[in-house]
Amino acid sequence: MVRILAQGGVVAAIAFAVGVPGCGYRFRTDVPAVSVRRVAVSPFANDTFEVGIERPFSEALREVVLRSAALRLAPRREAEAVLRGRVLAFGASPIAYPGSATGVRVGAYRASASVEVELVRADGHVLWRRGPLARDAEYLTGATAMATDANKNRAIRQIAWELMGDFRAAFLRGR
């Protein structure tokens, strides 16, 4: 009886080993698209008319590298390659128009941005590039222009974090 159970266990183990790879589940590891470990992060370039929009994207990319098990942030002189990005486009469009006694007033906006991120060796050879990656976020108008601007800046930070999350996922998947 013990022998039969042991043989059944072997059969089950073989069935599991053969069946699991075909089921769609994969063991996930943080393996980057290229064999670079030490990277420097350059500030994002800004191709838009939105002053300062590159800062939240640069900060988010730096934070993604700091949190990564696959990459190590290094000074440029010690880095194997440099991660650099570019904000390609930014826009904010009204999406809600609540009525008022004096006419139509915008109540909310949808901010959208697209970026490109690349990993470049010191000799200028591009090892990996993705873009445009695009996201959007909504924000409310405030009681004052300053409040509306603060809401817009929060939306931009949200977009930056989401896009850098997209970058991380694409980079570690090797796409």
Protein backbone atom coordinates (compact mmCIF):
# COMPACT_ATOMS: atom_id res chain seq x y z
CA MET A 1 0.00 0.00 0.00
CA VAL A 2 2.83 2.41 0.82
CA ARG A 3 4.47 1.58 -2.47
CA ILE A 4 1.28 2.41 -4.39
CA LEU A 5 0.95 5.78 -2.63
CA ALA A 6 4.60 6.57 -3.35
CA GLN A 7 4.10 5.75 -7.02
CA GLY A 8 0.94 7.87 -7.03
CA GLY A 9 2.95 10.73 -5.54
CA VAL A 10 5.54 10.43 -8.30
CA VAL A 11 2.79 10.49 -10.92
CA ALA A 12 1.21 13.54 -9.28
CA ALA A 13 4.58 15.32 -9.16
CA ILE A 14 5.20 14.60 -12.84
CA ALA A 15 1.69 15.77 -13.76
CA PHE A 16 2.22 18.94 -11.73
CA ALA A 17 5.61 19.64 -13.33
CA VAL A 18 4.25 19.10 -16.83
CA GLY A 19 0.95 20.87 -16.26
CA VAL A 20 1.99 24.02 -14.41
CA PRO A 21 4.11 25.58 -17.19
CA GLY A 22 1.14 25.33 -19.56
CA CYS A 23 -1.41 26.84 -17.19
CA GLY A 24 -0.51 30.47 -17.74
CA TYR A 25 1.10 31.02 -14.33
CA ARG A 26 4.76 31.96 -14.22
CA PHE A 27 7.23 32.44 -11.42
CA ARG A 28 8.06 36.16 -11.51
CA THR A 29 11.57 37.46 -11.02
CA ASP A 30 12.91 40.96 -11.44
CA VAL A 31 15.19 40.37 -14.40
CA PRO A 32 15.81 43.49 -16.48
CA ALA A 33 15.57 43.59 -20.27
CA VAL A 34 19.33 44.09 -20.56
CA SER A 35 22.25 42.90 -18.45
CA VAL A 36 22.96 46.22 -16.75
CA ARG A 37 22.89 46.55 -12.99
CA ARG A 38 24.39 49.95 -12.07
CA VAL A 39 22.52 52.85 -13.64
CA ALA A 40 22.54 56.59 -13.31
CA VAL A 41 19.29 58.52 -13.72
CA SER A 42 19.36 61.70 -15.78
CA PRO A 43 16.76 64.41 -15.25
CA PHE A 44 13.90 64.17 -17.74
CA ALA A 45 13.90 66.52 -20.72
CA ASN A 46 10.77 68.59 -21.22
CA ASP A 47 9.39 68.88 -24.76
CA THR A 48 6.21 70.59 -23.55
CA PHE A 49 5.20 74.12 -22.63
CA GLU A 50 4.36 73.02 -19.06
CA VAL A 51 7.12 74.54 -16.93
CA GLY A 52 8.66 72.09 -14.45
CA ILE A 53 6.66 69.05 -15.54
CA GLU A 54 9.87 67.02 -15.88
CA ARG A 55 10.62 67.11 -12.12
CA PRO A 56 7.94 64.65 -10.91
CA PHE A 57 8.88 62.23 -13.69
CA SER A 58 12.59 62.42 -12.80
CA GLU A 59 11.80 61.88 -9.12
CA ALA A 60 9.51 58.92 -9.86
CA LEU A 61 12.10 57.25 -12.12
CA ARG A 62 14.81 57.68 -9.50
CA GLU A 63 12.53 56.19 -6.85
CA VAL A 64 11.68 53.21 -9.10
CA VAL A 65 15.40 52.49 -9.51
CA LEU A 66 16.02 52.85 -5.77
CA ARG A 67 13.23 50.35 -5.01
CA SER A 68 14.31 47.85 -7.66
CA ALA A 69 16.07 44.65 -6.72
CA ALA A 70 17.40 44.37 -10.28
CA LEU A 71 18.98 47.83 -10.57
CA ARG A 72 21.33 49.87 -8.43
CA LEU A 73 21.46 53.65 -8.56
CA ALA A 74 25.03 54.81 -9.20
CA PRO A 75 26.80 58.09 -9.91
CA ARG A 76 27.21 58.64 -13.65
CA ARG A 77 30.98 57.94 -13.57
CA GLU A 78 30.37 54.50 -11.95
CA ALA A 79 27.24 53.55 -13.92
CA GLU A 80 27.18 50.97 -16.68
CA ALA A 81 24.43 52.97 -18.40
CA VAL A 82 22.18 56.00 -17.95
CA LEU A 83 18.40 55.98 -17.76
CA ARG A 84 17.04 59.11 -19.34
CA GLY A 85 13.55 60.23 -20.13
CA ARG A 86 11.66 62.85 -22.03
CA VAL A 87 8.19 64.27 -21.44
CA LEU A 88 6.85 64.24 -24.97
CA ALA A 89 3.41 65.77 -24.47
CA PHE A 90 1.14 67.21 -21.80
CA GLY A 91 -2.39 68.51 -21.98
CA ALA A 92 -5.32 69.33 -19.75
CA SER A 93 -8.85 69.25 -21.16
CA PRO A 94 -12.07 70.27 -19.42
CA ILE A 95 -14.37 67.31 -18.75
CA ALA A 96 -17.14 68.68 -16.51
CA TYR A 97 -19.18 71.83 -16.90
CA PRO A 98 -21.46 72.45 -13.93
CA GLY A 99 -23.94 75.25 -14.61
CA SER A 100 -24.03 78.40 -12.54
CA ALA A 101 -26.08 81.58 -12.45
CA THR A 102 -23.37 83.43 -14.39
CA GLY A 103 -22.91 80.77 -17.06
CA VAL A 104 -20.87 77.68 -17.64
CA ARG A 105 -17.94 76.93 -15.34
CA VAL A 106 -15.39 74.15 -15.73
CA GLY A 107 -15.55 71.79 -12.76
CA ALA A 108 -12.90 69.22 -13.64
CA TYR A 109 -10.06 68.55 -16.04
CA ARG A 110 -8.36 65.50 -17.47
CA ALA A 111 -4.57 65.85 -17.54
CA SER A 112 -2.64 63.58 -19.89
CA ALA A 113 1.05 63.09 -20.47
CA SER A 114 3.26 60.88 -22.58
CA VAL A 115 6.91 60.05 -22.02
CA GLU A 116 9.78 58.13 -23.50
CA VAL A 117 12.41 56.35 -21.40
CA GLU A 118 15.68 54.87 -22.64
CA LEU A 119 18.75 53.19 -21.27
CA VAL A 120 21.97 54.38 -22.92
CA ARG A 121 25.57 53.23 -22.52
CA ALA A 122 28.35 55.78 -22.04
CA ASP A 123 29.31 55.45 -25.73
CA GLY A 124 25.78 56.58 -26.73
CA HIS A 125 24.50 53.15 -27.78
CA VAL A 126 20.80 52.80 -26.88
CA LEU A 127 20.33 49.50 -25.04
CA TRP A 128 16.59 49.78 -24.45
CA ARG A 129 13.87 52.30 -25.31
CA ARG A 130 10.14 52.51 -24.67
CA GLY A 131 7.68 55.15 -25.60
CA PRO A 132 5.53 56.83 -25.95
CA LEU A 133 4.01 55.62 -22.70
CA ALA A 134 0.86 57.61 -21.90
CA ARG A 135 -1.46 58.03 -18.92
CA ASP A 136 -4.08 60.47 -17.74
CA ALA A 137 -5.63 61.60 -14.46
CA GLU A 138 -8.54 63.80 -13.55
CA TYR A 139 -8.52 66.74 -11.18
CA LEU A 140 -11.08 69.19 -9.84
CA THR A 141 -11.02 72.95 -10.13
CA GLY A 142 -10.46 74.65 -6.83
CA ALA A 143 -12.01 77.73 -5.29
CA THR A 144 -8.92 79.69 -6.41
CA ALA A 145 -6.44 79.45 -9.25
CA MET A 146 -3.81 78.32 -6.74
CA ALA A 147 -6.05 75.47 -5.54
CA THR A 148 -6.69 74.38 -9.13
CA ASP A 149 -2.96 74.48 -9.84
CA ALA A 150 -2.25 72.37 -6.74
CA ASN A 151 -4.82 69.80 -7.93
CA LYS A 152 -3.21 69.77 -11.38
CA ASN A 153 0.22 69.20 -9.83
CA ARG A 154 -1.14 66.26 -7.82
CA ALA A 155 -2.57 64.80 -11.05
CA ILE A 156 0.81 65.23 -12.77
CA ARG A 157 2.56 63.41 -9.88
CA GLN A 158 -0.02 60.61 -10.12
CA ILE A 159 0.60 60.30 -13.87
CA ALA A 160 4.38 60.29 -13.29
CA TRP A 161 4.19 57.46 -10.74
CA GLU A 162 1.85 55.40 -12.93
CA LEU A 163 4.05 55.88 -16.01
CA MET A 164 7.21 54.96 -14.14
CA GLY A 165 5.39 51.86 -12.89
CA ASP A 166 4.62 51.06 -16.55
CA PHE A 167 8.31 51.62 -17.38
CA ARG A 168 9.41 49.29 -14.58
CA ALA A 169 7.03 46.55 -15.69
CA ALA A 170 8.11 46.83 -19.35
CA PHE A 171 11.81 46.98 -18.47
CA LEU A 172 11.72 43.97 -16.19
CA ARG A 173 9.66 41.97 -18.68
CA GLY A 174 12.23 42.71 -21.36
CA ARG A 175 9.78 44.38 -23.70
